[in-house]
């Protein structure tokens, strides 16, 4: 192997080895990928398959991929999306080996932080990229990929039907 080819391979390896997260996971992008795309990239689910969710077990993680039912959404209800049937709406990843926040969250990036009311979980959201991290005691227990900020036109609209919210609650 020539030194140029070796350096090119090494560069690609180093760039891809870091803990980077983007709006897609393994080439699957919520609201833009279909069940056909998922099966082409990952094969049939090796754990469980239902109409609207597929579960894959990998050595490093368990992955849940959720699909649209294609039903029309009602404006004002949470999580309503205007997408056809069999479109990926979200991806949840549960690592088998826990990772510390510093290994996963991008340093210097601003995350919206939400503390769960009845559990020790803290959620970190990057709505621009459509990524959510669930953290407990400084360890990331799951990562989720969903619609990005640019996907706002797919939403059914603003929430209208919410229960009462306690003063100061977020």
C-alpha atoms as a PDB file:
ATOM      1  CA  UNK A   1       0.000   0.000   0.000  1.00  0.00           C
ATOM      2  CA  UNK A   2       1.384   3.401  -0.918  1.00  0.00           C
ATOM      3  CA  UNK A   3       1.955   5.987   1.792  1.00  0.00           C
ATOM      4  CA  UNK A   4      -0.723   8.257   0.255  1.00  0.00           C
ATOM      5  CA  UNK A   5      -3.318   5.472   0.326  1.00  0.00           C
ATOM      6  CA  UNK A   6      -2.319   4.578   3.899  1.00  0.00           C
ATOM      7  CA  UNK A   7      -2.658   8.207   5.057  1.00  0.00           C
ATOM      8  CA  UNK A   8      -6.035   8.531   3.328  1.00  0.00           C
ATOM      9  CA  UNK A   9      -7.314   5.363   5.034  1.00  0.00           C
ATOM     10  CA  UNK A  10      -5.947   6.504   8.394  1.00  0.00           C
ATOM     11  CA  UNK A  11      -7.588   9.933   8.012  1.00  0.00           C
ATOM     12  CA  UNK A  12     -10.966   8.393   7.189  1.00  0.00           C
ATOM     13  CA  UNK A  13     -10.668   6.032  10.148  1.00  0.00           C
ATOM     14  CA  UNK A  14      -9.808   8.835  12.581  1.00  0.00           C
ATOM     15  CA  UNK A  15     -12.634  11.065  11.367  1.00  0.00           C
ATOM     16  CA  UNK A  16     -15.210   8.281  11.607  1.00  0.00           C
ATOM     17  CA  UNK A  17     -14.043   6.973  14.996  1.00  0.00           C
ATOM     18  CA  UNK A  18     -15.188   9.937  17.087  1.00  0.00           C
ATOM     19  CA  UNK A  19     -18.497   9.997  18.964  1.00  0.00           C
ATOM     20  CA  UNK A  20     -20.324  12.156  16.460  1.00  0.00           C
ATOM     21  CA  UNK A  21     -24.071  12.366  16.177  1.00  0.00           C
ATOM     22  CA  UNK A  22     -25.993  13.948  13.374  1.00  0.00           C
ATOM     23  CA  UNK A  23     -29.574  14.072  12.219  1.00  0.00           C
ATOM     24  CA  UNK A  24     -29.280  10.572  10.751  1.00  0.00           C
ATOM     25  CA  UNK A  25     -28.180   7.277  12.231  1.00  0.00           C
ATOM     26  CA  UNK A  26     -26.388   4.753   9.966  1.00  0.00           C
ATOM     27  CA  UNK A  27     -27.889   6.534   6.952  1.00  0.00           C
ATOM     28  CA  UNK A  28     -31.449   6.492   8.330  1.00  0.00           C
ATOM     29  CA  UNK A  29     -33.002   9.929   8.740  1.00  0.00           C
ATOM     30  CA  UNK A  30     -36.325  10.481  10.523  1.00  0.00           C
ATOM     31  CA  UNK A  31     -39.079  11.847   8.254  1.00  0.00           C
ATOM     32  CA  UNK A  32     -36.943  11.199   5.164  1.00  0.00           C
ATOM     33  CA  UNK A  33     -36.217   7.444   5.262  1.00  0.00           C
ATOM     34  CA  UNK A  34     -38.737   4.659   4.669  1.00  0.00           C
ATOM     35  CA  UNK A  35     -39.074   1.099   5.944  1.00  0.00           C
ATOM     36  CA  UNK A  36     -37.634  -0.019   2.585  1.00  0.00           C
ATOM     37  CA  UNK A  37     -34.543   2.155   3.244  1.00  0.00           C
ATOM     38  CA  UNK A  38     -34.168   0.659   6.726  1.00  0.00           C
ATOM     39  CA  UNK A  39     -34.396  -2.901   5.431  1.00  0.00           C
ATOM     40  CA  UNK A  40     -31.902  -2.129   2.645  1.00  0.00           C
ATOM     41  CA  UNK A  41     -29.409  -0.679   5.158  1.00  0.00           C
ATOM     42  CA  UNK A  42     -29.924  -3.014   8.145  1.00  0.00           C
ATOM     43  CA  UNK A  43     -31.763  -6.064   6.837  1.00  0.00           C
ATOM     44  CA  UNK A  44     -34.846  -7.470   8.532  1.00  0.00           C
ATOM     45  CA  UNK A  45     -35.164  -6.788  12.249  1.00  0.00           C
ATOM     46  CA  UNK A  46     -33.274  -9.435  14.184  1.00  0.00           C
ATOM     47  CA  UNK A  47     -35.227  -9.043  17.410  1.00  0.00           C
ATOM     48  CA  UNK A  48     -38.819  -7.949  16.865  1.00  0.00           C
ATOM     49  CA  UNK A  49     -41.002  -6.516  14.127  1.00  0.00           C
ATOM     50  CA  UNK A  50     -44.479  -5.017  14.431  1.00  0.00           C
ATOM     51  CA  UNK A  51     -46.460  -2.782  12.101  1.00  0.00           C
ATOM     52  CA  UNK A  52     -44.966   0.448  13.406  1.00  0.00           C
ATOM     53  CA  UNK A  53     -41.745  -0.464  15.198  1.00  0.00           C
ATOM     54  CA  UNK A  54     -38.753  -2.641  14.431  1.00  0.00           C
ATOM     55  CA  UNK A  55     -36.126  -3.649  16.971  1.00  0.00           C
ATOM     56  CA  UNK A  56     -32.544  -4.495  16.085  1.00  0.00           C
ATOM     57  CA  UNK A  57     -29.990  -6.021  18.411  1.00  0.00           C
ATOM     58  CA  UNK A  58     -26.387  -5.133  17.695  1.00  0.00           C
ATOM     59  CA  UNK A  59     -23.388  -6.080  19.836  1.00  0.00           C
ATOM     60  CA  UNK A  60     -22.972  -2.460  20.969  1.00  0.00           C
ATOM     61  CA  UNK A  61     -26.634  -1.379  21.235  1.00  0.00           C
ATOM     62  CA  UNK A  62     -30.347  -2.168  20.906  1.00  0.00           C
ATOM     63  CA  UNK A  63     -32.169   0.052  18.430  1.00  0.00           C
ATOM     64  CA  UNK A  64     -35.890   0.816  18.137  1.00  0.00           C
ATOM     65  CA  UNK A  65     -37.040   2.311  14.836  1.00  0.00           C
ATOM     66  CA  UNK A  66     -40.565   3.741  14.767  1.00  0.00           C
ATOM     67  CA  UNK A  67     -42.652   4.241  11.628  1.00  0.00           C
ATOM     68  CA  UNK A  68     -45.650   6.394  10.760  1.00  0.00           C
ATOM     69  CA  UNK A  69     -49.054   4.740  10.621  1.00  0.00           C
ATOM     70  CA  UNK A  70     -50.051   7.131   7.855  1.00  0.00           C
ATOM     71  CA  UNK A  71     -53.135   8.187   9.808  1.00  0.00           C
ATOM     72  CA  UNK A  72     -54.002  11.866   9.509  1.00  0.00           C
ATOM     73  CA  UNK A  73     -52.919  13.785  12.552  1.00  0.00           C
ATOM     74  CA  UNK A  74     -55.072  16.057  14.620  1.00  0.00           C
ATOM     75  CA  UNK A  75     -53.639  19.519  14.975  1.00  0.00           C
ATOM     76  CA  UNK A  76     -52.804  20.387  18.540  1.00  0.00           C
ATOM     77  CA  UNK A  77     -51.936  16.910  19.798  1.00  0.00           C
ATOM     78  CA  UNK A  78     -48.357  16.162  20.853  1.00  0.00           C
ATOM     79  CA  UNK A  79     -46.023  14.461  18.375  1.00  0.00           C
ATOM     80  CA  UNK A  80     -48.431  14.709  15.447  1.00  0.00           C
ATOM     81  CA  UNK A  81     -46.677  14.452  12.085  1.00  0.00           C
ATOM     82  CA  UNK A  82     -47.975  14.779   8.528  1.00  0.00           C
ATOM     83  CA  UNK A  83     -46.101  11.930   6.831  1.00  0.00           C
ATOM     84  CA  UNK A  84     -47.184   8.906   4.797  1.00  0.00           C
ATOM     85  CA  UNK A  85     -47.272   5.356   6.148  1.00  0.00           C
ATOM     86  CA  UNK A  86     -43.943   3.555   6.681  1.00  0.00           C
ATOM     87  CA  UNK A  87     -41.832   6.709   7.048  1.00  0.00           C
ATOM     88  CA  UNK A  88     -39.304   6.593   9.904  1.00  0.00           C
ATOM     89  CA  UNK A  89     -40.491   9.028  12.590  1.00  0.00           C
ATOM     90  CA  UNK A  90     -37.896   8.334  15.283  1.00  0.00           C
ATOM     91  CA  UNK A  91     -34.993   6.129  16.317  1.00  0.00           C
ATOM     92  CA  UNK A  92     -34.115   5.238  19.923  1.00  0.00           C
ATOM     93  CA  UNK A  93     -30.732   3.742  20.771  1.00  0.00           C
ATOM     94  CA  UNK A  94     -29.848   2.014  24.046  1.00  0.00           C
ATOM     95  CA  UNK A  95     -26.090   1.412  24.346  1.00  0.00           C
ATOM     96  CA  UNK A  96     -25.042  -1.873  25.946  1.00  0.00           C
ATOM     97  CA  UNK A  97     -21.966  -0.238  27.469  1.00  0.00           C
ATOM     98  CA  UNK A  98     -22.863   2.961  29.313  1.00  0.00           C
ATOM     99  CA  UNK A  99     -21.068   6.080  28.132  1.00  0.00           C
ATOM    100  CA  UNK A 100     -20.325   9.214  30.103  1.00  0.00           C
ATOM    101  CA  UNK A 101     -21.892  12.483  28.983  1.00  0.00           C
ATOM    102  CA  UNK A 102     -18.497  13.877  27.971  1.00  0.00           C
ATOM    103  CA  UNK A 103     -18.047  10.962  25.539  1.00  0.00           C
ATOM    104  CA  UNK A 104     -21.367  11.573  23.805  1.00  0.00           C
ATOM    105  CA  UNK A 105     -22.539  15.181  24.110  1.00  0.00           C
ATOM    106  CA  UNK A 106     -20.680  17.691  21.961  1.00  0.00           C
ATOM    107  CA  UNK A 107     -18.577  20.064  24.079  1.00  0.00           C
ATOM    108  CA  UNK A 108     -19.569  23.701  23.680  1.00  0.00           C
ATOM    109  CA  UNK A 109     -22.958  22.912  22.108  1.00  0.00           C
ATOM    110  CA  UNK A 110     -26.035  24.370  23.764  1.00  0.00           C
ATOM    111  CA  UNK A 111     -28.635  21.759  24.751  1.00  0.00           C
ATOM    112  CA  UNK A 112     -32.108  22.368  26.102  1.00  0.00           C
ATOM    113  CA  UNK A 113     -32.169  20.563  29.439  1.00  0.00           C
ATOM    114  CA  UNK A 114     -35.287  19.074  31.011  1.00  0.00           C
ATOM    115  CA  UNK A 115     -35.322  17.316  34.382  1.00  0.00           C
ATOM    116  CA  UNK A 116     -37.874  14.551  34.782  1.00  0.00           C
ATOM    117  CA  UNK A 117     -40.313  15.232  37.613  1.00  0.00           C
ATOM    118  CA  UNK A 118     -40.523  11.717  39.067  1.00  0.00           C
ATOM    119  CA  UNK A 119     -37.294  10.045  37.941  1.00  0.00           C
ATOM    120  CA  UNK A 120     -33.605  10.924  38.227  1.00  0.00           C
ATOM    121  CA  UNK A 121     -33.352  11.359  34.424  1.00  0.00           C
ATOM    122  CA  UNK A 122     -32.194  14.533  32.734  1.00  0.00           C
ATOM    123  CA  UNK A 123     -32.947  14.975  29.042  1.00  0.00           C
ATOM    124  CA  UNK A 124     -30.676  16.962  26.760  1.00  0.00           C
ATOM    125  CA  UNK A 125     -32.253  18.123  23.482  1.00  0.00           C
ATOM    126  CA  UNK A 126     -30.686  19.550  20.366  1.00  0.00           C
ATOM    127  CA  UNK A 127     -33.828  20.478  18.428  1.00  0.00           C
ATOM    128  CA  UNK A 128     -31.769  21.876  15.563  1.00  0.00           C
ATOM    129  CA  UNK A 129     -30.355  18.385  14.876  1.00  0.00           C
ATOM    130  CA  UNK A 130     -33.318  16.432  16.262  1.00  0.00           C
ATOM    131  CA  UNK A 131     -31.277  14.584  18.881  1.00  0.00           C
ATOM    132  CA  UNK A 132     -32.204  13.687  22.468  1.00  0.00           C
ATOM    133  CA  UNK A 133     -29.961  12.204  25.162  1.00  0.00           C
ATOM    134  CA  UNK A 134     -31.295  10.605  28.354  1.00  0.00           C
ATOM    135  CA  UNK A 135     -28.807  10.923  31.218  1.00  0.00           C
ATOM    136  CA  UNK A 136     -28.788   9.607  34.767  1.00  0.00           C
ATOM    137  CA  UNK A 137     -25.915  10.260  37.179  1.00  0.00           C
ATOM    138  CA  UNK A 138     -23.745  11.562  34.330  1.00  0.00           C
ATOM    139  CA  UNK A 139     -24.218   8.414  32.219  1.00  0.00           C
ATOM    140  CA  UNK A 140     -26.081   8.380  28.889  1.00  0.00           C
ATOM    141  CA  UNK A 141     -28.715   5.633  28.973  1.00  0.00           C
ATOM    142  CA  UNK A 142     -30.295   6.358  25.574  1.00  0.00           C
ATOM    143  CA  UNK A 143     -30.087   8.540  22.502  1.00  0.00           C
ATOM    144  CA  UNK A 144     -32.957   9.435  20.235  1.00  0.00           C
ATOM    145  CA  UNK A 145     -33.159  10.815  16.726  1.00  0.00           C
ATOM    146  CA  UNK A 146     -36.300  12.582  15.564  1.00  0.00           C
ATOM    147  CA  UNK A 147     -37.426  15.473  13.410  1.00  0.00           C
ATOM    148  CA  UNK A 148     -34.968  18.358  13.058  1.00  0.00           C
ATOM    149  CA  UNK A 149     -35.739  22.060  13.168  1.00  0.00           C
ATOM    150  CA  UNK A 150     -35.886  22.106   9.358  1.00  0.00           C
ATOM    151  CA  UNK A 151     -38.682  19.509   9.495  1.00  0.00           C
ATOM    152  CA  UNK A 152     -41.182  21.853  11.172  1.00  0.00           C
ATOM    153  CA  UNK A 153     -43.500  21.743   8.145  1.00  0.00           C
ATOM    154  CA  UNK A 154     -44.176  18.056   8.873  1.00  0.00           C
ATOM    155  CA  UNK A 155     -45.637  18.834  12.305  1.00  0.00           C
ATOM    156  CA  UNK A 156     -49.387  18.988  12.751  1.00  0.00           C
ATOM    157  CA  UNK A 157     -49.129  22.358  14.438  1.00  0.00           C
ATOM    158  CA  UNK A 158     -48.686  23.901  17.845  1.00  0.00           C
ATOM    159  CA  UNK A 159     -49.884  22.083  20.962  1.00  0.00           C
ATOM    160  CA  UNK A 160     -53.386  23.191  21.898  1.00  0.00           C
ATOM    161  CA  UNK A 161     -54.640  20.495  24.219  1.00  0.00           C
ATOM    162  CA  UNK A 162     -52.413  20.480  27.258  1.00  0.00           C
ATOM    163  CA  UNK A 163     -53.268  19.703  30.833  1.00  0.00           C
ATOM    164  CA  UNK A 164     -52.699  22.288  33.527  1.00  0.00           C
ATOM    165  CA  UNK A 165     -49.062  23.037  34.213  1.00  0.00           C
ATOM    166  CA  UNK A 166     -47.858  23.865  37.707  1.00  0.00           C
ATOM    167  CA  UNK A 167     -46.344  27.327  38.162  1.00  0.00           C
ATOM    168  CA  UNK A 168     -42.612  27.278  37.430  1.00  0.00           C
ATOM    169  CA  UNK A 169     -42.746  23.846  35.757  1.00  0.00           C
ATOM    170  CA  UNK A 170     -41.072  23.339  32.417  1.00  0.00           C
END
